[in-house]
């Protein structure tokens, strides 16, 4: 008789950050729990409170330099006059977790993302004027944040 054993490790979430894009895909400011105070000093090049916010959440085993997230961000940057283009970067977790651990890790990623959003909404970030979209496990994170 064969037994299949799964080992689950709860990874403490580190490195969750929001990337606020300026004029190009290589021009961004990162806001995390470590530098949350920097949000209030972002120039309108990176964040304009009068615009609609679009947050994209990449998927599992993905990172901010892969084609998928870059394509989505470039599409929104082409419409920069309408949107604040923001990427939720959780690649430190997404690229180091095994598939079966992701449901536990998503809880930690979501919690950190919500903590950041709670802090920045006190500095002009309008939650009600925000669209959040995700791919793969990023859609689960998006749904959890929205809920």
Protein backbone atom coordinates (compact mmCIF):
# COMPACT_ATOMS: atom_id res chain seq x y z
CA UNK A 1 0.00 0.00 0.00
CA UNK A 2 1.33 3.43 -0.96
CA UNK A 3 0.87 6.51 1.17
CA UNK A 4 1.04 10.02 -0.08
CA UNK A 5 2.15 12.51 2.53
CA UNK A 6 1.83 16.25 2.12
CA UNK A 7 3.81 18.56 4.33
CA UNK A 8 2.43 22.03 4.77
CA UNK A 9 4.58 24.88 5.95
CA UNK A 10 3.05 28.21 6.80
CA UNK A 11 5.40 30.78 5.31
CA UNK A 12 5.44 34.14 7.04
CA UNK A 13 4.66 36.61 4.34
CA UNK A 14 7.48 38.97 3.50
CA UNK A 15 7.98 41.32 0.63
CA UNK A 16 4.37 42.17 -0.17
CA UNK A 17 4.39 45.58 -1.78
CA UNK A 18 2.39 47.81 -4.08
CA UNK A 19 4.25 49.16 -7.09
CA UNK A 20 2.89 52.55 -8.21
CA UNK A 21 3.91 53.11 -11.83
CA UNK A 22 4.96 56.38 -13.39
CA UNK A 23 5.49 56.92 -17.11
CA UNK A 24 6.97 53.50 -17.96
CA UNK A 25 7.17 49.92 -16.79
CA UNK A 26 10.63 50.54 -15.33
CA UNK A 27 9.52 53.68 -13.48
CA UNK A 28 7.77 52.85 -10.21
CA UNK A 29 7.72 53.54 -6.49
CA UNK A 30 7.31 50.59 -4.13
CA UNK A 31 5.16 50.96 -1.02
CA UNK A 32 5.28 48.24 1.63
CA UNK A 33 4.60 48.00 5.35
CA UNK A 34 8.25 48.94 5.89
CA UNK A 35 7.99 52.28 4.09
CA UNK A 36 4.27 53.06 4.37
CA UNK A 37 4.98 56.66 5.39
CA UNK A 38 6.48 57.30 1.94
CA UNK A 39 3.03 57.04 0.34
CA UNK A 40 2.02 60.51 1.47
CA UNK A 41 4.97 61.99 -0.44
CA UNK A 42 4.41 60.19 -3.77
CA UNK A 43 4.34 62.67 -6.63
CA UNK A 44 1.32 62.82 -8.94
CA UNK A 45 3.50 61.08 -11.52
CA UNK A 46 2.97 57.89 -9.49
CA UNK A 47 -0.35 58.56 -7.79
CA UNK A 48 -3.06 61.08 -8.60
CA UNK A 49 -6.00 60.91 -6.15
CA UNK A 50 -8.41 62.17 -8.83
CA UNK A 51 -7.84 59.09 -11.04
CA UNK A 52 -9.30 55.60 -10.87
CA UNK A 53 -6.96 53.09 -9.22
CA UNK A 54 -6.31 49.78 -10.97
CA UNK A 55 -4.49 47.12 -8.97
CA UNK A 56 -3.25 44.00 -10.75
CA UNK A 57 -2.30 40.93 -8.69
CA UNK A 58 -0.03 38.44 -10.45
CA UNK A 59 -0.35 34.69 -10.05
CA UNK A 60 1.53 31.88 -8.36
CA UNK A 61 5.09 31.23 -9.53
CA UNK A 62 5.05 34.63 -11.23
CA UNK A 63 6.90 37.86 -10.61
CA UNK A 64 6.89 41.47 -11.73
CA UNK A 65 9.44 40.93 -14.49
CA UNK A 66 7.44 38.24 -16.32
CA UNK A 67 5.56 38.93 -19.52
CA UNK A 68 2.04 38.60 -18.05
CA UNK A 69 2.23 41.30 -15.36
CA UNK A 70 4.30 43.57 -17.61
CA UNK A 71 1.75 43.32 -20.43
CA UNK A 72 -1.14 44.22 -18.12
CA UNK A 73 0.75 47.15 -16.59
CA UNK A 74 1.82 48.46 -20.00
CA UNK A 75 -1.81 48.41 -21.15
CA UNK A 76 -2.82 50.58 -18.21
CA UNK A 77 0.23 52.81 -18.60
CA UNK A 78 -0.92 53.52 -22.17
CA UNK A 79 -4.01 55.02 -20.51
CA UNK A 80 -2.08 56.73 -17.71
CA UNK A 81 -4.21 59.86 -18.05
CA UNK A 82 -7.18 57.84 -16.73
CA UNK A 83 -5.67 55.40 -14.22
CA UNK A 84 -3.20 54.97 -11.42
CA UNK A 85 -1.49 51.74 -12.52
CA UNK A 86 -0.60 49.65 -9.47
CA UNK A 87 0.83 46.14 -9.19
CA UNK A 88 0.54 44.08 -6.03
CA UNK A 89 3.90 42.33 -5.90
CA UNK A 90 3.86 39.15 -3.83
CA UNK A 91 6.55 37.40 -5.86
CA UNK A 92 8.71 36.53 -2.83
CA UNK A 93 5.91 34.24 -1.68
CA UNK A 94 4.59 33.26 -5.11
CA UNK A 95 7.97 32.07 -6.35
CA UNK A 96 9.12 30.25 -3.23
CA UNK A 97 5.96 28.42 -2.14
CA UNK A 98 5.04 24.99 -3.38
CA UNK A 99 1.61 24.72 -4.94
CA UNK A 100 -0.01 22.95 -1.99
CA UNK A 101 1.13 25.65 0.47
CA UNK A 102 -0.38 28.54 -1.49
CA UNK A 103 -3.83 28.45 0.21
CA UNK A 104 -2.13 29.14 3.55
CA UNK A 105 0.26 31.72 2.11
CA UNK A 106 -2.57 33.61 0.38
CA UNK A 107 -4.06 34.41 3.76
CA UNK A 108 -0.83 36.10 4.84
CA UNK A 109 -0.43 37.96 1.52
CA UNK A 110 -4.02 39.19 1.71
CA UNK A 111 -3.59 40.35 5.30
CA UNK A 112 -0.45 42.35 4.46
CA UNK A 113 -2.08 43.89 1.37
CA UNK A 114 -5.12 44.95 3.40
CA UNK A 115 -2.88 46.44 6.09
CA UNK A 116 -1.11 48.54 3.44
CA UNK A 117 -4.40 49.65 1.87
CA UNK A 118 -5.82 50.57 5.29
CA UNK A 119 -2.81 52.79 5.94
CA UNK A 120 -2.72 54.53 2.56
CA UNK A 121 -6.45 55.21 2.41
CA UNK A 122 -5.86 57.72 5.20
CA UNK A 123 -3.59 59.60 2.77
CA UNK A 124 -5.87 60.02 -0.23
CA UNK A 125 -6.17 56.51 -1.64
CA UNK A 126 -9.85 56.10 -2.52
CA UNK A 127 -10.88 52.47 -2.04
CA UNK A 128 -14.30 53.06 -3.62
CA UNK A 129 -12.59 54.26 -6.81
CA UNK A 130 -10.42 51.15 -7.12
CA UNK A 131 -10.57 48.16 -9.45
CA UNK A 132 -8.62 45.07 -8.48
CA UNK A 133 -7.94 42.27 -10.91
CA UNK A 134 -5.89 39.13 -10.60
CA UNK A 135 -4.61 36.12 -12.46
CA UNK A 136 -4.39 32.57 -11.14
CA UNK A 137 -4.00 32.69 -7.36
CA UNK A 138 -3.84 36.47 -7.75
CA UNK A 139 -7.57 36.37 -8.45
CA UNK A 140 -8.10 34.65 -5.10
CA UNK A 141 -6.07 37.38 -3.39
CA UNK A 142 -8.08 40.02 -5.29
CA UNK A 143 -11.35 38.48 -4.16
CA UNK A 144 -10.18 38.27 -0.56
CA UNK A 145 -9.10 41.91 -0.56
CA UNK A 146 -12.40 42.96 -2.13
CA UNK A 147 -14.38 41.04 0.43
